[in-house]
Amino acid sequence: MGLLASHSNSTLAVDEKAPPPSYTVSQNEAAPQIQQQTQLKPALPTNRTPSPQPQAPPQSTTIRFPPQFGIYHASGSMTDLVIAQSKDDPHPLYYISTHSGFSSQPSVILHSSPHPGSPPLANADFHSFSSTIDMSLFVAIPPGSNPQMAPMERSGAFSYVRQFRAPIPSTSSVEIFEWKRSSGPEVQALEGRSHGKKCARVSTGEVVAVFTHPDMSYSKKGKFAFMGSGVGLGEGFEVMAVMAILAIMEKERRAKNSSNGAAGGGGC
């Protein structure tokens, strides 16, 4: 299937009139190291013809999410969620809709605004007889191209580690990341439950994001934070990291409801 393959069968399309992202880093606010990369070199002597210099890859400066945020129940829904900076935030950032196995819609959709009818940033689809979660990315892709598909898979048959791939503009490559269980200091810093999950950059082992559930809350379902280089890895990574944890949350919710004999909103 490749690292990030075109999702030709997707029936969803990017809406060119989608609202602008909530968080955007201007060119003047770019990190110092990026500015250094784009500075021009001193001019060569006039009696020499300069050789063509390779173009540096474009740097994505779009930031979709704040460094830390909460995941809350959506008003009027038992299973849908919203991303916001606080429980009473009058302007939540994004809506997350969930759909049962009987629906033609993907299992989980991360929308591009607080409204459930807005175009997707990404989505995830579950399969009844497979642990693989098919995720599709609708941003950080060439204009006019199809959404990019990136399956999230377990690292082993009985492993709780889930790996996914995301495009990294600064290296012009697709890198592997993995969400794994953790009760380490990074999770503890969220001041929620003592155990949660951390997202590691496989190439370096660095923790780039963390997630946990709150201690006691009906409306708040999770706490999320980017860490270290995860703050600046680009729009594609941010969206895929958040989409991955949302898919894991919904997968676990359905499995719990199924084991309790409750109607969990569709199969896993």
C-alpha atoms as a PDB file:
ATOM      1  CA  MET A   1       0.000   0.000   0.000  1.00  0.00           C
ATOM      2  CA  GLY A   2       2.982   2.306   0.499  1.00  0.00           C
ATOM      3  CA  LEU A   3       3.684   4.797   3.210  1.00  0.00           C
ATOM      4  CA  LEU A   4       0.958   7.227   2.176  1.00  0.00           C
ATOM      5  CA  ALA A   5      -1.105   5.996  -0.774  1.00  0.00           C
ATOM      6  CA  SER A   6      -3.844   7.873  -2.630  1.00  0.00           C
ATOM      7  CA  HIS A   7      -7.297   6.990  -1.349  1.00  0.00           C
ATOM      8  CA  SER A   8      -8.973   6.784  -4.725  1.00  0.00           C
ATOM      9  CA  ASN A   9     -12.206   5.242  -3.456  1.00  0.00           C
ATOM     10  CA  SER A  10     -12.962   7.969  -0.957  1.00  0.00           C
ATOM     11  CA  THR A  11     -16.296   9.671  -1.461  1.00  0.00           C
ATOM     12  CA  LEU A  12     -15.335  12.626   0.645  1.00  0.00           C
ATOM     13  CA  ALA A  13     -13.809  15.734  -0.941  1.00  0.00           C
ATOM     14  CA  VAL A  14     -11.988  18.730   0.373  1.00  0.00           C
ATOM     15  CA  ASP A  15     -14.158  21.828   0.435  1.00  0.00           C
ATOM     16  CA  GLU A  16     -12.209  24.741  -1.001  1.00  0.00           C
ATOM     17  CA  LYS A  17     -14.327  27.077   1.122  1.00  0.00           C
ATOM     18  CA  ALA A  18     -13.417  25.389   4.392  1.00  0.00           C
ATOM     19  CA  PRO A  19     -12.743  27.888   7.186  1.00  0.00           C
ATOM     20  CA  PRO A  20      -9.129  28.846   7.785  1.00  0.00           C
ATOM     21  CA  PRO A  21      -7.241  27.026  10.529  1.00  0.00           C
ATOM     22  CA  SER A  22      -7.597  28.341  14.060  1.00  0.00           C
ATOM     23  CA  TYR A  23      -3.886  28.556  14.560  1.00  0.00           C
ATOM     24  CA  THR A  24      -1.429  29.759  11.894  1.00  0.00           C
ATOM     25  CA  VAL A  25       2.196  30.652  12.308  1.00  0.00           C
ATOM     26  CA  SER A  26       3.194  33.627  10.146  1.00  0.00           C
ATOM     27  CA  GLN A  27       6.402  33.622   8.202  1.00  0.00           C
ATOM     28  CA  ASN A  28       7.867  36.198  10.548  1.00  0.00           C
ATOM     29  CA  GLU A  29       7.140  33.944  13.534  1.00  0.00           C
ATOM     30  CA  ALA A  30       8.777  30.852  12.065  1.00  0.00           C
ATOM     31  CA  ALA A  31      11.347  29.024  14.192  1.00  0.00           C
ATOM     32  CA  PRO A  32      14.880  30.446  13.973  1.00  0.00           C
ATOM     33  CA  GLN A  33      16.287  27.306  12.413  1.00  0.00           C
ATOM     34  CA  ILE A  34      13.775  27.510   9.552  1.00  0.00           C
ATOM     35  CA  GLN A  35      14.632  31.160   8.979  1.00  0.00           C
ATOM     36  CA  GLN A  36      18.301  30.248   8.733  1.00  0.00           C
ATOM     37  CA  GLN A  37      17.548  27.617   6.140  1.00  0.00           C
ATOM     38  CA  THR A  38      15.757  30.110   3.918  1.00  0.00           C
ATOM     39  CA  GLN A  39      18.321  32.940   4.144  1.00  0.00           C
ATOM     40  CA  LEU A  40      20.163  33.694   0.926  1.00  0.00           C
ATOM     41  CA  LYS A  41      23.859  32.864   0.672  1.00  0.00           C
ATOM     42  CA  PRO A  42      26.405  35.655   0.009  1.00  0.00           C
ATOM     43  CA  ALA A  43      26.647  36.617  -3.659  1.00  0.00           C
ATOM     44  CA  LEU A  44      29.384  34.967  -5.684  1.00  0.00           C
ATOM     45  CA  PRO A  45      32.064  37.084  -7.435  1.00  0.00           C
ATOM     46  CA  THR A  46      30.733  38.710 -10.605  1.00  0.00           C
ATOM     47  CA  ASN A  47      33.377  37.071 -12.807  1.00  0.00           C
ATOM     48  CA  ARG A  48      31.943  33.632 -12.092  1.00  0.00           C
ATOM     49  CA  THR A  49      28.662  32.144 -13.176  1.00  0.00           C
ATOM     50  CA  PRO A  50      26.848  30.776 -10.152  1.00  0.00           C
ATOM     51  CA  SER A  51      25.781  27.162 -10.315  1.00  0.00           C
ATOM     52  CA  PRO A  52      22.102  26.410  -9.891  1.00  0.00           C
ATOM     53  CA  GLN A  53      21.299  25.739  -6.255  1.00  0.00           C
ATOM     54  CA  PRO A  54      18.776  23.057  -5.292  1.00  0.00           C
ATOM     55  CA  GLN A  55      15.496  24.416  -3.984  1.00  0.00           C
ATOM     56  CA  ALA A  56      14.758  23.696  -0.332  1.00  0.00           C
ATOM     57  CA  PRO A  57      11.476  21.832   0.225  1.00  0.00           C
ATOM     58  CA  PRO A  58       8.539  24.051   1.216  1.00  0.00           C
ATOM     59  CA  GLN A  59       8.071  24.354   4.969  1.00  0.00           C
ATOM     60  CA  SER A  60       4.603  23.901   6.416  1.00  0.00           C
ATOM     61  CA  THR A  61       4.020  26.613   9.010  1.00  0.00           C
ATOM     62  CA  THR A  62       0.339  25.870   9.552  1.00  0.00           C
ATOM     63  CA  ILE A  63      -0.522  24.879  13.105  1.00  0.00           C
ATOM     64  CA  ARG A  64      -3.914  23.271  13.510  1.00  0.00           C
ATOM     65  CA  PHE A  65      -3.967  22.760  17.271  1.00  0.00           C
ATOM     66  CA  PRO A  66      -2.830  24.566  20.410  1.00  0.00           C
ATOM     67  CA  PRO A  67      -0.021  22.841  22.334  1.00  0.00           C
ATOM     68  CA  GLN A  68      -2.546  21.473  24.840  1.00  0.00           C
ATOM     69  CA  PHE A  69      -6.302  20.975  24.675  1.00  0.00           C
ATOM     70  CA  GLY A  70      -9.216  18.928  25.974  1.00  0.00           C
ATOM     71  CA  ILE A  71     -11.609  16.497  24.314  1.00  0.00           C
ATOM     72  CA  TYR A  72     -15.226  16.858  25.467  1.00  0.00           C
ATOM     73  CA  HIS A  73     -18.661  15.371  24.887  1.00  0.00           C
ATOM     74  CA  ALA A  74     -20.526  17.191  22.125  1.00  0.00           C
ATOM     75  CA  SER A  75     -23.797  18.724  23.231  1.00  0.00           C
ATOM     76  CA  GLY A  76     -26.798  16.684  22.155  1.00  0.00           C
ATOM     77  CA  SER A  77     -24.847  13.521  21.320  1.00  0.00           C
ATOM     78  CA  MET A  78     -23.952  10.397  23.272  1.00  0.00           C
ATOM     79  CA  THR A  79     -20.820   9.599  21.276  1.00  0.00           C
ATOM     80  CA  ASP A  80     -19.717  12.684  19.313  1.00  0.00           C
ATOM     81  CA  LEU A  81     -16.956  14.893  20.702  1.00  0.00           C
ATOM     82  CA  VAL A  82     -15.489  18.370  20.391  1.00  0.00           C
ATOM     83  CA  ILE A  83     -11.958  19.676  20.819  1.00  0.00           C
ATOM     84  CA  ALA A  84     -11.766  22.797  22.973  1.00  0.00           C
ATOM     85  CA  GLN A  85      -9.430  24.552  25.382  1.00  0.00           C
ATOM     86  CA  SER A  86     -11.874  24.369  28.300  1.00  0.00           C
ATOM     87  CA  LYS A  87     -15.215  22.850  29.265  1.00  0.00           C
ATOM     88  CA  ASP A  88     -17.096  26.132  28.912  1.00  0.00           C
ATOM     89  CA  ASP A  89     -15.226  27.347  25.838  1.00  0.00           C
ATOM     90  CA  PRO A  90     -17.867  29.163  23.716  1.00  0.00           C
ATOM     91  CA  HIS A  91     -15.767  28.585  20.606  1.00  0.00           C
ATOM     92  CA  PRO A  92     -14.660  24.950  20.396  1.00  0.00           C
ATOM     93  CA  LEU A  93     -12.061  24.223  17.744  1.00  0.00           C
ATOM     94  CA  TYR A  94     -13.222  21.069  15.986  1.00  0.00           C
ATOM     95  CA  TYR A  95     -16.111  18.616  15.933  1.00  0.00           C
ATOM     96  CA  ILE A  96     -15.612  14.830  15.942  1.00  0.00           C
ATOM     97  CA  SER A  97     -18.489  12.746  14.631  1.00  0.00           C
ATOM     98  CA  THR A  98     -18.753   8.988  15.126  1.00  0.00           C
ATOM     99  CA  HIS A  99     -20.718   6.558  12.965  1.00  0.00           C
ATOM    100  CA  SER A 100     -21.821   2.974  13.491  1.00  0.00           C
ATOM    101  CA  GLY A 101     -20.836   0.031  11.370  1.00  0.00           C
ATOM    102  CA  PHE A 102     -24.180   0.277   9.575  1.00  0.00           C
ATOM    103  CA  SER A 103     -23.428   3.789   8.326  1.00  0.00           C
ATOM    104  CA  SER A 104     -21.836   4.608   4.988  1.00  0.00           C
ATOM    105  CA  GLN A 105     -19.737   7.241   6.757  1.00  0.00           C
ATOM    106  CA  PRO A 106     -16.266   6.540   8.185  1.00  0.00           C
ATOM    107  CA  SER A 107     -16.224   5.362  11.800  1.00  0.00           C
ATOM    108  CA  VAL A 108     -14.705   8.616  13.107  1.00  0.00           C
ATOM    109  CA  ILE A 109     -14.452  11.983  11.337  1.00  0.00           C
ATOM    110  CA  LEU A 110     -12.329  14.896  12.565  1.00  0.00           C
ATOM    111  CA  HIS A 111     -14.086  17.901  11.040  1.00  0.00           C
ATOM    112  CA  SER A 112     -12.408  21.158  10.015  1.00  0.00           C
ATOM    113  CA  SER A 113     -14.603  23.355  12.211  1.00  0.00           C
ATOM    114  CA  PRO A 114     -16.877  23.127  15.286  1.00  0.00           C
ATOM    115  CA  HIS A 115     -19.766  22.128  13.009  1.00  0.00           C
ATOM    116  CA  PRO A 116     -20.532  18.472  12.180  1.00  0.00           C
ATOM    117  CA  GLY A 117     -21.345  19.334   8.578  1.00  0.00           C
ATOM    118  CA  SER A 118     -17.945  20.842   7.813  1.00  0.00           C
ATOM    119  CA  PRO A 119     -15.386  19.057   5.587  1.00  0.00           C
ATOM    120  CA  PRO A 120     -12.968  16.617   7.224  1.00  0.00           C
ATOM    121  CA  LEU A 121      -9.383  17.194   8.229  1.00  0.00           C
ATOM    122  CA  ALA A 122      -9.038  13.419   8.557  1.00  0.00           C
ATOM    123  CA  ASN A 123     -11.112  10.329   9.190  1.00  0.00           C
ATOM    124  CA  ALA A 124     -10.699   6.772  10.423  1.00  0.00           C
ATOM    125  CA  ASP A 125     -12.490   3.589   9.430  1.00  0.00           C
ATOM    126  CA  PHE A 126     -12.739   0.387  11.496  1.00  0.00           C
ATOM    127  CA  HIS A 127     -13.077  -3.166  10.215  1.00  0.00           C
ATOM    128  CA  SER A 128     -15.035  -5.967  11.873  1.00  0.00           C
ATOM    129  CA  PHE A 129     -12.402  -8.663  11.481  1.00  0.00           C
ATOM    130  CA  SER A 130      -9.194  -6.645  11.542  1.00  0.00           C
ATOM    131  CA  SER A 131      -7.369  -4.521  14.091  1.00  0.00           C
ATOM    132  CA  THR A 132      -6.119  -2.216  11.320  1.00  0.00           C
ATOM    133  CA  ILE A 133      -7.631   1.271  11.333  1.00  0.00           C
ATOM    134  CA  ASP A 134      -7.624   2.981   7.937  1.00  0.00           C
ATOM    135  CA  MET A 135      -6.989   6.712   8.338  1.00  0.00           C
ATOM    136  CA  SER A 136      -7.294   9.313   5.573  1.00  0.00           C
ATOM    137  CA  LEU A 137      -5.622  12.729   5.590  1.00  0.00           C
ATOM    138  CA  PHE A 138      -7.291  15.650   3.780  1.00  0.00           C
ATOM    139  CA  VAL A 139      -4.724  18.381   4.556  1.00  0.00           C
ATOM    140  CA  ALA A 140      -0.973  18.816   3.988  1.00  0.00           C
ATOM    141  CA  ILE A 141      -1.340  17.242   0.554  1.00  0.00           C
ATOM    142  CA  PRO A 142      -0.752  18.725  -2.929  1.00  0.00           C
ATOM    143  CA  PRO A 143      -3.629  20.926  -4.155  1.00  0.00           C
ATOM    144  CA  GLY A 144      -6.204  18.995  -6.123  1.00  0.00           C
ATOM    145  CA  SER A 145      -4.907  15.590  -5.068  1.00  0.00           C
ATOM    146  CA  ASN A 146      -6.929  12.819  -3.468  1.00  0.00           C
ATOM    147  CA  PRO A 147      -6.859  12.362   0.303  1.00  0.00           C
ATOM    148  CA  GLN A 148      -3.910  10.313   1.467  1.00  0.00           C
ATOM    149  CA  MET A 149      -4.499   6.988   3.193  1.00  0.00           C
ATOM    150  CA  ALA A 150      -2.352   5.864   6.117  1.00  0.00           C
ATOM    151  CA  PRO A 151      -3.343   2.644   7.896  1.00  0.00           C
ATOM    152  CA  MET A 152      -2.683   2.480  11.638  1.00  0.00           C
ATOM    153  CA  GLU A 153      -1.620  -1.005  12.652  1.00  0.00           C
ATOM    154  CA  ARG A 154      -0.554  -2.831  15.774  1.00  0.00           C
ATOM    155  CA  SER A 155       3.172  -3.444  16.025  1.00  0.00           C
ATOM    156  CA  GLY A 156       2.470  -7.089  16.895  1.00  0.00           C
ATOM    157  CA  ALA A 157      -0.412  -9.549  17.051  1.00  0.00           C
ATOM    158  CA  PHE A 158      -0.969  -9.036  20.776  1.00  0.00           C
ATOM    159  CA  SER A 159       0.561  -5.585  21.113  1.00  0.00           C
ATOM    160  CA  TYR A 160      -1.206  -2.464  22.355  1.00  0.00           C
ATOM    161  CA  VAL A 161       1.238  -0.300  20.388  1.00  0.00           C
ATOM    162  CA  ARG A 162      -0.318   1.282  17.298  1.00  0.00           C
ATOM    163  CA  GLN A 163       1.864   2.723  14.551  1.00  0.00           C
ATOM    164  CA  PHE A 164       0.936   5.322  11.952  1.00  0.00           C
ATOM    165  CA  ARG A 165       2.762   7.394   9.348  1.00  0.00           C
ATOM    166  CA  ALA A 166       2.717  11.134   8.781  1.00  0.00           C
ATOM    167  CA  PRO A 167       4.407  13.523   6.300  1.00  0.00           C
ATOM    168  CA  ILE A 168       7.138  15.724   7.800  1.00  0.00           C
ATOM    169  CA  PRO A 169       7.847  18.843   5.691  1.00  0.00           C
ATOM    170  CA  SER A 170      11.184  19.670   7.333  1.00  0.00           C
ATOM    171  CA  THR A 171      12.662  16.352   6.161  1.00  0.00           C
ATOM    172  CA  SER A 172      10.506  15.913   3.031  1.00  0.00           C
ATOM    173  CA  SER A 173       9.765  12.394   4.202  1.00  0.00           C
ATOM    174  CA  VAL A 174       7.098  10.227   5.741  1.00  0.00           C
ATOM    175  CA  GLU A 175       7.961   9.089   9.259  1.00  0.00           C
ATOM    176  CA  ILE A 176       6.594   6.400  11.556  1.00  0.00           C
ATOM    177  CA  PHE A 177       5.087   7.282  14.931  1.00  0.00           C
ATOM    178  CA  GLU A 178       3.519   5.057  17.540  1.00  0.00           C
ATOM    179  CA  TRP A 179       0.995   5.460  20.317  1.00  0.00           C
ATOM    180  CA  LYS A 180       1.766   3.248  23.304  1.00  0.00           C
ATOM    181  CA  ARG A 181       0.612   2.895  26.889  1.00  0.00           C
ATOM    182  CA  SER A 182       2.523   4.917  29.461  1.00  0.00           C
ATOM    183  CA  SER A 183       2.490   6.060  33.072  1.00  0.00           C
ATOM    184  CA  GLY A 184       5.684   8.060  32.692  1.00  0.00           C
ATOM    185  CA  PRO A 185       6.379  11.667  33.678  1.00  0.00           C
ATOM    186  CA  GLU A 186       5.093  13.029  30.369  1.00  0.00           C
ATOM    187  CA  VAL A 187       1.642  11.573  31.065  1.00  0.00           C
ATOM    188  CA  GLN A 188       1.790  12.599  34.720  1.00  0.00           C
ATOM    189  CA  ALA A 189       2.350  16.201  33.631  1.00  0.00           C
ATOM    190  CA  LEU A 190      -1.182  16.295  32.192  1.00  0.00           C
ATOM    191  CA  GLU A 191      -2.542  15.973  35.755  1.00  0.00           C
ATOM    192  CA  GLY A 192      -5.192  13.458  34.775  1.00  0.00           C
ATOM    193  CA  ARG A 193      -5.146   9.729  35.387  1.00  0.00           C
ATOM    194  CA  SER A 194      -1.755   8.314  36.270  1.00  0.00           C
ATOM    195  CA  HIS A 195      -1.738   6.120  33.166  1.00  0.00           C
ATOM    196  CA  GLY A 196      -2.369   7.143  29.596  1.00  0.00           C
ATOM    197  CA  LYS A 197      -0.602   7.031  26.259  1.00  0.00           C
ATOM    198  CA  LYS A 198       2.426   8.639  24.676  1.00  0.00           C
ATOM    199  CA  CYS A 199       3.252   9.133  21.017  1.00  0.00           C
ATOM    200  CA  ALA A 200       6.878   8.473  20.119  1.00  0.00           C
ATOM    201  CA  ARG A 201       8.813   9.352  16.981  1.00  0.00           C
ATOM    202  CA  VAL A 202      10.194   5.952  16.011  1.00  0.00           C
ATOM    203  CA  SER A 203      13.338   7.313  14.306  1.00  0.00           C
ATOM    204  CA  THR A 204      14.518   9.058  17.483  1.00  0.00           C
ATOM    205  CA  GLY A 205      12.449   7.627  20.336  1.00  0.00           C
ATOM    206  CA  GLU A 206      11.423  11.159  21.315  1.00  0.00           C
ATOM    207  CA  VAL A 207       8.007  11.600  22.926  1.00  0.00           C
ATOM    208  CA  VAL A 208       6.118  14.097  20.746  1.00  0.00           C
ATOM    209  CA  ALA A 209       2.584  13.911  22.196  1.00  0.00           C
ATOM    210  CA  VAL A 210       0.764  12.553  25.236  1.00  0.00           C
ATOM    211  CA  PHE A 211      -2.825  11.714  26.150  1.00  0.00           C
ATOM    212  CA  THR A 212      -4.744  10.670  29.229  1.00  0.00           C
ATOM    213  CA  HIS A 213      -8.285  10.618  30.577  1.00  0.00           C
ATOM    214  CA  PRO A 214      -9.294  13.028  33.347  1.00  0.00           C
ATOM    215  CA  ASP A 215      -9.630  11.689  36.883  1.00  0.00           C
ATOM    216  CA  MET A 216     -13.349  12.277  37.288  1.00  0.00           C
ATOM    217  CA  SER A 217     -15.427  14.010  34.654  1.00  0.00           C
ATOM    218  CA  TYR A 218     -18.502  13.161  32.627  1.00  0.00           C
ATOM    219  CA  SER A 219     -18.119  15.855  30.003  1.00  0.00           C
ATOM    220  CA  LYS A 220     -14.345  15.775  29.565  1.00  0.00           C
ATOM    221  CA  LYS A 221     -13.104  12.610  27.879  1.00  0.00           C
ATOM    222  CA  GLY A 222      -9.426  13.320  27.408  1.00  0.00           C
ATOM    223  CA  LYS A 223      -6.425  15.632  27.765  1.00  0.00           C
ATOM    224  CA  PHE A 224      -3.922  15.967  24.938  1.00  0.00           C
ATOM    225  CA  ALA A 225      -0.604  17.804  24.604  1.00  0.00           C
ATOM    226  CA  PHE A 226       2.144  18.066  22.004  1.00  0.00           C
ATOM    227  CA  MET A 227       5.668  17.908  23.393  1.00  0.00           C
ATOM    228  CA  GLY A 228       9.214  18.639  22.236  1.00  0.00           C
ATOM    229  CA  SER A 229       9.608  18.670  18.470  1.00  0.00           C
ATOM    230  CA  GLY A 230       5.996  17.543  18.144  1.00  0.00           C
ATOM    231  CA  VAL A 231       4.992  21.210  18.406  1.00  0.00           C
ATOM    232  CA  GLY A 232       6.665  21.981  15.075  1.00  0.00           C
ATOM    233  CA  LEU A 233       6.485  18.798  13.000  1.00  0.00           C
ATOM    234  CA  GLY A 234       3.837  20.266  10.736  1.00  0.00           C
ATOM    235  CA  GLU A 235       0.146  20.172   9.977  1.00  0.00           C
ATOM    236  CA  GLY A 236       0.141  16.628   8.610  1.00  0.00           C
ATOM    237  CA  PHE A 237       1.671  15.163  11.748  1.00  0.00           C
ATOM    238  CA  GLU A 238      -0.592  17.155  14.059  1.00  0.00           C
ATOM    239  CA  VAL A 239      -3.771  16.046  12.323  1.00  0.00           C
ATOM    240  CA  MET A 240      -2.670  12.418  12.063  1.00  0.00           C
ATOM    241  CA  ALA A 241      -1.563  12.260  15.713  1.00  0.00           C
ATOM    242  CA  VAL A 242      -4.906  13.646  16.888  1.00  0.00           C
ATOM    243  CA  MET A 243      -6.896  11.498  14.460  1.00  0.00           C
ATOM    244  CA  ALA A 244      -5.030   8.417  15.682  1.00  0.00           C
ATOM    245  CA  ILE A 245      -5.811   9.009  19.360  1.00  0.00           C
ATOM    246  CA  LEU A 246      -9.459   9.805  18.555  1.00  0.00           C
ATOM    247  CA  ALA A 247      -9.714   6.514  16.667  1.00  0.00           C
ATOM    248  CA  ILE A 248      -8.099   4.629  19.553  1.00  0.00           C
ATOM    249  CA  MET A 249     -10.496   6.265  22.027  1.00  0.00           C
ATOM    250  CA  GLU A 250     -13.536   5.282  19.969  1.00  0.00           C
ATOM    251  CA  LYS A 251     -12.222   1.778  19.363  1.00  0.00           C
ATOM    252  CA  GLU A 252     -11.721   1.287  23.103  1.00  0.00           C
ATOM    253  CA  ARG A 253     -15.151   2.749  23.897  1.00  0.00           C
ATOM    254  CA  ARG A 254     -16.856   0.320  21.555  1.00  0.00           C
ATOM    255  CA  ALA A 255     -14.885  -2.633  22.888  1.00  0.00           C
ATOM    256  CA  LYS A 256     -15.826  -1.708  26.467  1.00  0.00           C
ATOM    257  CA  ASN A 257     -19.499  -1.321  25.594  1.00  0.00           C
ATOM    258  CA  SER A 258     -19.460  -4.607  23.716  1.00  0.00           C
ATOM    259  CA  SER A 259     -17.936  -6.442  26.674  1.00  0.00           C
ATOM    260  CA  ASN A 260     -20.559  -4.914  28.975  1.00  0.00           C
ATOM    261  CA  GLY A 261     -23.343  -6.042  26.678  1.00  0.00           C
ATOM    262  CA  ALA A 262     -24.316  -2.445  25.888  1.00  0.00           C
ATOM    263  CA  ALA A 263     -25.094  -0.940  22.522  1.00  0.00           C
ATOM    264  CA  GLY A 264     -21.784   0.665  21.643  1.00  0.00           C
ATOM    265  CA  GLY A 265     -22.811   2.541  18.550  1.00  0.00           C
ATOM    266  CA  GLY A 266     -21.734  -0.116  16.109  1.00  0.00           C
ATOM    267  CA  GLY A 267     -19.162  -2.842  15.806  1.00  0.00           C
ATOM    268  CA  CYS A 268     -15.480  -2.433  16.364  1.00  0.00           C
END
